[in-house]
């Protein structure tokens, strides 16, 4: 099978991911489940041949040197985020379907409170959740709305560039780590000289990137980024715990002042097929800010339960609502959360 045939089959089946590994047939992820294709198991040589069809010489050289490479690939109007890696000395491939069109608020079923984040003028907004939960897609939807309505300068730092933003009433620059800049941290260090209004950092991977994002948020910029945690309060823990000693106190202070909201997202199986996103929302009001500053993060969940008037909602409450609306089945939800490691808090 040629790579383009496989990617077109993924599009036909509405798969979210494509996997190639020696010893297995090509595998798609459809509605959250892995689905092997009816084909012979691939050899390491067959995987290499398929990958080289789309990688290009530059990507393949970097992969051969580092055993890791990320890039984007377009086919028939669709866009895939590709990761090449090595397992047991053999090449392997994973691709995430991004799509060619940025979904609308309605497509994503964003709540009014999450939609309202487009009106925030400055500070840090974080989307968190398991890999593949749609964090980047939700951020792209918010950013597309912002640049369509506001004359702002948006600078993105991505690895690789995923959604390509159409020109709006302002200016958009999309920088790709590896080709346009050496790293997220380096791109953020240079960002102030580029006169941005809104900044999107694909992922806060290390203390240097987190510190730079917090500084930019403090200095009047609106910063969007992602983390991998299973809840909004855990995102606060993750940021603070990325630092050591006296640095933690400074980061708590910065975060208490610059954080605007955390959206924790997970995809759940929809009744009748497909998936639906459940989104927990933490808004950094005065009470939450005080809890962060005083290192009482474990009490944030309680603050969220009393903050419904400001749009705050816990994951448990969101899931209860989805079950009540008949969109998801309670048993299927529990199975998915267990499989993704997303633990629900006890009520």
Protein backbone atom coordinates (compact mmCIF):
# COMPACT_ATOMS: atom_id res chain seq x y z
CA UNK A 1 0.00 0.00 0.00
CA UNK A 2 1.22 3.47 -0.86
CA UNK A 3 1.18 6.16 1.83
CA UNK A 4 -1.26 8.39 -0.05
CA UNK A 5 -3.69 5.47 -0.38
CA UNK A 6 -3.49 4.91 3.37
CA UNK A 7 -4.04 8.58 4.21
CA UNK A 8 -7.01 8.75 1.84
CA UNK A 9 -8.45 5.66 3.54
CA UNK A 10 -8.04 7.43 6.89
CA UNK A 11 -9.96 10.42 5.51
CA UNK A 12 -12.68 8.14 4.15
CA UNK A 13 -13.12 6.44 7.53
CA UNK A 14 -12.90 9.74 9.44
CA UNK A 15 -9.94 8.47 11.45
CA UNK A 16 -8.17 10.78 13.86
CA UNK A 17 -4.79 9.02 13.69
CA UNK A 18 -2.74 6.71 11.47
CA UNK A 19 -0.05 4.33 12.77
CA UNK A 20 2.67 2.32 11.03
CA UNK A 21 4.99 -0.08 12.85
CA UNK A 22 6.93 -3.14 11.75
CA UNK A 23 5.11 -6.36 12.53
CA UNK A 24 1.62 -4.82 12.31
CA UNK A 25 -0.74 -3.91 9.48
CA UNK A 26 -1.53 -0.20 9.10
CA UNK A 27 -3.73 0.87 12.03
CA UNK A 28 -6.26 3.73 12.21
CA UNK A 29 -7.83 5.30 15.28
CA UNK A 30 -11.56 5.74 14.67
CA UNK A 31 -13.83 7.25 17.35
CA UNK A 32 -11.07 6.69 19.89
CA UNK A 33 -10.49 3.00 19.12
CA UNK A 34 -7.61 1.38 17.23
CA UNK A 35 -8.77 -0.36 14.02
CA UNK A 36 -6.23 -2.54 12.12
CA UNK A 37 -6.71 -2.60 8.36
CA UNK A 38 -7.16 -5.91 6.60
CA UNK A 39 -3.66 -6.05 5.20
CA UNK A 40 -0.43 -7.98 5.72
CA UNK A 41 1.87 -7.03 8.57
CA UNK A 42 4.45 -4.47 7.48
CA UNK A 43 8.19 -5.05 7.44
CA UNK A 44 10.61 -2.37 8.62
CA UNK A 45 11.57 -1.80 4.97
CA UNK A 46 7.93 -1.38 3.96
CA UNK A 47 7.41 1.23 6.70
CA UNK A 48 10.52 3.10 5.54
CA UNK A 49 9.37 3.05 1.92
CA UNK A 50 5.92 4.41 2.82
CA UNK A 51 7.33 7.11 5.08
CA UNK A 52 9.89 8.31 2.52
CA UNK A 53 7.08 8.85 0.00
CA UNK A 54 5.96 11.92 1.97
CA UNK A 55 8.87 12.86 4.23
CA UNK A 56 11.08 14.60 1.70
CA UNK A 57 14.88 14.58 1.79
CA UNK A 58 15.32 17.22 4.52
CA UNK A 59 12.92 15.58 6.99
CA UNK A 60 14.34 12.13 6.31
CA UNK A 61 17.94 13.34 6.87
CA UNK A 62 17.00 14.87 10.23
CA UNK A 63 15.12 11.70 11.18
CA UNK A 64 18.10 9.51 10.22
CA UNK A 65 20.32 11.70 12.40
CA UNK A 66 18.13 12.23 15.48
CA UNK A 67 15.63 9.32 15.26
CA UNK A 68 12.85 11.88 15.83
CA UNK A 69 11.11 14.22 13.37
CA UNK A 70 7.84 16.14 13.19
CA UNK A 71 6.32 17.79 10.14
CA UNK A 72 2.99 18.54 8.50
CA UNK A 73 1.72 16.95 5.28
CA UNK A 74 -1.16 18.09 3.07
CA UNK A 75 -3.23 15.78 0.91
CA UNK A 76 -6.50 16.45 -0.94
CA UNK A 77 -7.22 19.54 1.13
CA UNK A 78 -6.57 17.74 4.45
CA UNK A 79 -3.59 18.27 6.75
CA UNK A 80 -1.78 15.67 8.85
CA UNK A 81 0.66 16.29 11.72
CA UNK A 82 3.31 13.60 11.26
CA UNK A 83 5.70 12.15 13.84
CA UNK A 84 8.53 9.84 12.83
CA UNK A 85 10.26 7.84 15.54
CA UNK A 86 12.28 4.69 16.06
CA UNK A 87 11.23 1.61 18.02
CA UNK A 88 13.61 -1.31 18.51
CA UNK A 89 15.83 0.12 15.82
CA UNK A 90 13.04 0.27 13.24
CA UNK A 91 11.23 3.31 11.79
CA UNK A 92 7.69 3.96 12.97
CA UNK A 93 5.07 6.53 12.00
CA UNK A 94 2.14 8.30 13.65
CA UNK A 95 0.00 10.95 11.97
CA UNK A 96 -2.83 13.05 13.42
CA UNK A 97 -5.50 14.39 11.09
CA UNK A 98 -5.75 18.14 11.58
CA UNK A 99 -8.17 18.99 8.80
CA UNK A 100 -8.07 21.88 6.38
CA UNK A 101 -10.80 24.00 7.96
CA UNK A 102 -10.71 25.42 11.46
CA UNK A 103 -13.92 24.26 13.21
CA UNK A 104 -16.39 26.89 14.36
CA UNK A 105 -17.59 27.40 17.93
CA UNK A 106 -20.78 25.54 17.03
CA UNK A 107 -18.86 22.66 15.42
CA UNK A 108 -16.95 22.19 18.69
CA UNK A 109 -19.96 22.85 20.95
CA UNK A 110 -17.99 25.46 22.90
CA UNK A 111 -19.86 26.80 25.91
CA UNK A 112 -20.63 30.54 26.14
CA UNK A 113 -17.99 30.84 28.90
CA UNK A 114 -15.27 29.27 26.73
CA UNK A 115 -16.31 31.40 23.73
CA UNK A 116 -16.01 34.43 25.98
CA UNK A 117 -12.26 33.83 26.31
CA UNK A 118 -11.89 35.59 22.95
CA UNK A 119 -12.71 38.85 24.75
CA UNK A 120 -9.81 38.53 27.21
CA UNK A 121 -7.26 41.25 26.53
CA UNK A 122 -4.15 39.85 28.22
CA UNK A 123 -2.84 37.08 30.46
CA UNK A 124 -2.41 33.32 30.11
CA UNK A 125 -5.09 30.89 28.88
CA UNK A 126 -4.24 27.19 29.08
CA UNK A 127 -5.93 24.21 27.42
CA UNK A 128 -5.02 20.92 29.02
CA UNK A 129 -5.94 17.26 28.64
CA UNK A 130 -4.69 13.94 27.24
CA UNK A 131 -2.93 13.76 23.89
CA UNK A 132 -5.46 13.82 21.07
CA UNK A 133 -8.22 15.47 23.08
CA UNK A 134 -8.60 18.44 20.73
CA UNK A 135 -6.74 21.11 22.69
CA UNK A 136 -5.04 22.64 19.64
CA UNK A 137 -8.27 22.55 17.66
CA UNK A 138 -10.19 24.44 20.35
CA UNK A 139 -7.43 27.06 20.61
CA UNK A 140 -7.39 27.44 16.81
CA UNK A 141 -11.14 28.09 16.82
CA UNK A 142 -10.75 30.85 19.42
CA UNK A 143 -7.79 32.41 17.61
CA UNK A 144 -9.59 32.34 14.25
CA UNK A 145 -12.45 34.30 15.82
CA UNK A 146 -10.05 36.82 17.37
CA UNK A 147 -8.13 37.57 14.17
CA UNK A 148 -11.35 37.76 12.14
CA UNK A 149 -12.72 40.53 14.39
CA UNK A 150 -9.77 42.34 15.91
CA UNK A 151 -6.78 44.17 14.36
CA UNK A 152 -4.20 42.22 16.34
CA UNK A 153 -0.78 40.78 15.56
CA UNK A 154 -0.90 37.03 16.22
CA UNK A 155 2.36 35.08 16.45
CA UNK A 156 2.20 31.30 16.81
CA UNK A 157 5.01 28.93 17.76
CA UNK A 158 4.17 25.36 16.72
CA UNK A 159 5.83 21.98 16.25
CA UNK A 160 4.80 21.62 13.47
CA UNK A 161 2.38 24.28 12.20
CA UNK A 162 -1.05 22.68 12.37
CA UNK A 163 -4.02 24.81 11.32
CA UNK A 164 -3.13 27.52 8.82
CA UNK A 165 -4.97 30.73 9.69
CA UNK A 166 -6.64 32.74 6.95
CA UNK A 167 -5.77 36.46 6.88
CA UNK A 168 -8.05 38.49 9.10
CA UNK A 169 -8.23 42.17 9.94
CA UNK A 170 -4.83 41.97 11.61
CA UNK A 171 -1.51 40.23 10.98
CA UNK A 172 -0.69 36.53 11.45
CA UNK A 173 2.78 34.95 11.60
CA UNK A 174 3.11 31.19 12.16
CA UNK A 175 6.56 29.99 13.19
CA UNK A 176 7.54 26.32 13.08
CA UNK A 177 9.98 24.90 15.61
CA UNK A 178 12.88 23.25 13.80
CA UNK A 179 12.65 25.26 10.59
CA UNK A 180 11.72 28.82 11.61
CA UNK A 181 13.08 28.78 15.17
CA UNK A 182 15.25 26.48 17.26
CA UNK A 183 12.79 25.91 20.12
CA UNK A 184 9.67 27.18 21.86
CA UNK A 185 11.84 28.83 24.50
CA UNK A 186 14.01 30.60 21.90
CA UNK A 187 10.94 31.80 19.96
CA UNK A 188 9.40 33.19 23.14
CA UNK A 189 12.62 34.99 24.08
CA UNK A 190 12.53 36.77 20.72
CA UNK A 191 8.79 37.42 20.70
CA UNK A 192 8.85 40.82 22.41
CA UNK A 193 10.91 42.24 19.54
CA UNK A 194 8.19 41.19 17.07
CA UNK A 195 5.45 43.48 18.47
CA UNK A 196 2.83 40.75 19.10
CA UNK A 197 -0.58 41.24 20.69
CA UNK A 198 -1.58 37.57 20.87
CA UNK A 199 0.83 34.64 21.17
CA UNK A 200 0.14 30.94 20.84
CA UNK A 201 2.73 28.48 22.15
CA UNK A 202 2.05 24.94 20.97
CA UNK A 203 3.10 23.40 24.27
CA UNK A 204 4.75 24.52 27.51
CA UNK A 205 7.28 21.69 27.66
CA UNK A 206 9.96 22.95 30.05
CA UNK A 207 10.57 25.52 32.80
CA UNK A 208 12.22 27.97 30.40
CA UNK A 209 9.20 27.99 28.09
CA UNK A 210 6.78 28.29 31.02
CA UNK A 211 8.76 31.18 32.54
CA UNK A 212 8.84 33.03 29.22
CA UNK A 213 5.11 32.52 28.66
CA UNK A 214 4.33 33.86 32.14
CA UNK A 215 6.53 36.91 31.57
CA UNK A 216 4.81 37.69 28.26
CA UNK A 217 1.40 37.27 29.89
CA UNK A 218 2.46 39.62 32.68
CA UNK A 219 3.58 42.30 30.23
CA UNK A 220 0.19 42.82 28.62
CA UNK A 221 0.11 40.09 25.97
CA UNK A 222 -2.59 37.44 25.54
CA UNK A 223 -0.91 34.02 25.57
CA UNK A 224 -2.52 30.67 24.69
CA UNK A 225 -0.77 27.36 25.33
CA UNK A 226 -1.32 23.68 26.17
CA UNK A 227 -0.34 21.19 28.86
CA UNK A 228 -0.95 17.49 29.42
CA UNK A 229 -2.87 17.12 32.69
CA UNK A 230 -6.24 15.53 33.45
CA UNK A 231 -7.82 18.52 35.22
CA UNK A 232 -7.61 22.29 35.47
CA UNK A 233 -6.24 22.34 39.06
CA UNK A 234 -3.57 19.81 38.04
CA UNK A 235 -2.41 22.26 35.36
CA UNK A 236 -1.61 24.74 38.13
CA UNK A 237 0.27 22.00 40.02
CA UNK A 238 2.21 21.04 36.88
CA UNK A 239 3.36 24.59 36.22
CA UNK A 240 4.50 25.23 39.80
CA UNK A 241 6.14 21.80 40.16
CA UNK A 242 8.21 22.43 37.02
CA UNK A 243 10.33 24.73 39.17
CA UNK A 244 12.42 24.12 42.29
CA UNK A 245 13.03 25.80 45.62
CA UNK A 246 12.42 29.54 45.88
CA UNK A 247 11.44 29.68 42.21
CA UNK A 248 8.09 28.07 43.07
CA UNK A 249 7.01 31.02 45.21
CA UNK A 250 7.76 33.45 42.38
CA UNK A 251 5.90 31.30 39.84
CA UNK A 252 2.86 31.04 42.13
CA UNK A 253 2.81 34.81 42.39
CA UNK A 254 3.14 35.27 38.64
CA UNK A 255 0.50 32.64 37.93
CA UNK A 256 -1.94 34.11 40.47
CA UNK A 257 -1.74 37.45 38.65
CA UNK A 258 -1.43 36.46 34.98
CA UNK A 259 -3.55 33.29 34.66
CA UNK A 260 -6.96 34.00 33.15
CA UNK A 261 -8.45 30.53 32.61
CA UNK A 262 -7.72 26.82 32.28
CA UNK A 263 -9.84 24.58 30.08
CA UNK A 264 -9.40 20.82 30.72
CA UNK A 265 -10.71 18.77 27.83
CA UNK A 266 -11.33 15.08 27.12
CA UNK A 267 -13.08 13.37 24.20
CA UNK A 268 -15.86 10.93 25.12
CA UNK A 269 -17.72 8.36 22.97
CA UNK A 270 -20.97 9.84 21.67
CA UNK A 271 -24.09 7.72 21.61
CA UNK A 272 -24.64 6.57 18.05
CA UNK A 273 -21.00 7.04 17.04
CA UNK A 274 -18.40 9.75 16.99
CA UNK A 275 -17.03 11.68 19.94
CA UNK A 276 -18.03 14.67 22.04
CA UNK A 277 -15.74 16.93 24.04
CA UNK A 278 -16.23 17.42 27.77
CA UNK A 279 -14.64 20.67 28.98
CA UNK A 280 -13.90 21.67 32.54
CA UNK A 281 -13.39 25.42 33.01
CA UNK A 282 -11.39 27.16 35.72
CA UNK A 283 -11.59 30.96 35.81
CA UNK A 284 -8.94 32.76 37.84
CA UNK A 285 -11.13 34.98 40.01
CA UNK A 286 -10.03 36.60 43.26
CA UNK A 287 -10.64 33.45 45.31
CA UNK A 288 -8.71 31.18 42.94
CA UNK A 289 -5.88 33.72 42.64
CA UNK A 290 -5.54 33.74 46.42
CA UNK A 291 -5.47 29.93 46.57
CA UNK A 292 -2.70 29.80 43.97
CA UNK A 293 -0.65 32.45 45.73
CA UNK A 294 -1.01 30.72 49.13
CA UNK A 295 -0.20 27.27 47.69
CA UNK A 296 -3.66 25.85 48.42
CA UNK A 297 -4.21 24.40 44.96
CA UNK A 298 -6.05 21.39 46.41
CA UNK A 299 -8.91 23.75 47.32
CA UNK A 300 -9.39 25.03 43.75
CA UNK A 301 -11.88 22.27 42.91
CA UNK A 302 -14.17 23.52 45.68
CA UNK A 303 -13.83 27.08 44.41
CA UNK A 304 -14.86 25.87 40.96
CA UNK A 305 -18.04 24.33 42.35
CA UNK A 306 -19.10 27.67 43.79
CA UNK A 307 -18.07 29.65 40.70
CA UNK A 308 -20.86 28.66 38.32
CA UNK A 309 -21.95 32.29 37.92
CA UNK A 310 -18.56 33.05 36.34
CA UNK A 311 -18.80 30.08 33.96
CA UNK A 312 -16.70 27.68 36.03
CA UNK A 313 -17.63 24.03 35.82
CA UNK A 314 -15.98 20.80 36.98
CA UNK A 315 -15.48 17.75 34.78
CA UNK A 316 -17.89 15.73 36.91
CA UNK A 317 -20.62 18.33 36.36
CA UNK A 318 -19.96 18.45 32.61
CA UNK A 319 -20.19 14.67 32.34
CA UNK A 320 -23.41 14.60 34.37
CA UNK A 321 -24.88 17.15 31.97
CA UNK A 322 -23.81 15.17 28.89
CA UNK A 323 -25.34 11.99 30.34
CA UNK A 324 -28.57 13.84 31.21
CA UNK A 325 -28.76 15.25 27.67
CA UNK A 326 -28.43 11.73 26.24
CA UNK A 327 -25.22 12.54 24.38
CA UNK A 328 -23.04 9.98 26.16
CA UNK A 329 -23.49 6.72 28.06
CA UNK A 330 -22.24 6.69 31.66
CA UNK A 331 -20.57 3.25 31.41
CA UNK A 332 -18.84 4.10 28.13
CA UNK A 333 -17.60 7.33 29.69
CA UNK A 334 -16.07 5.52 32.67
CA UNK A 335 -14.33 3.07 30.35
CA UNK A 336 -12.88 5.88 28.22
CA UNK A 337 -11.69 7.88 31.22
CA UNK A 338 -10.01 4.81 32.67
CA UNK A 339 -8.33 4.07 29.33
CA UNK A 340 -6.98 7.64 28.95
CA UNK A 341 -5.90 7.95 32.59
CA UNK A 342 -8.28 10.85 33.13
CA UNK A 343 -9.45 10.39 36.72
CA UNK A 344 -12.64 11.98 37.94
CA UNK A 345 -12.68 13.57 41.37
CA UNK A 346 -14.85 11.96 43.97
CA UNK A 347 -18.00 13.94 44.72
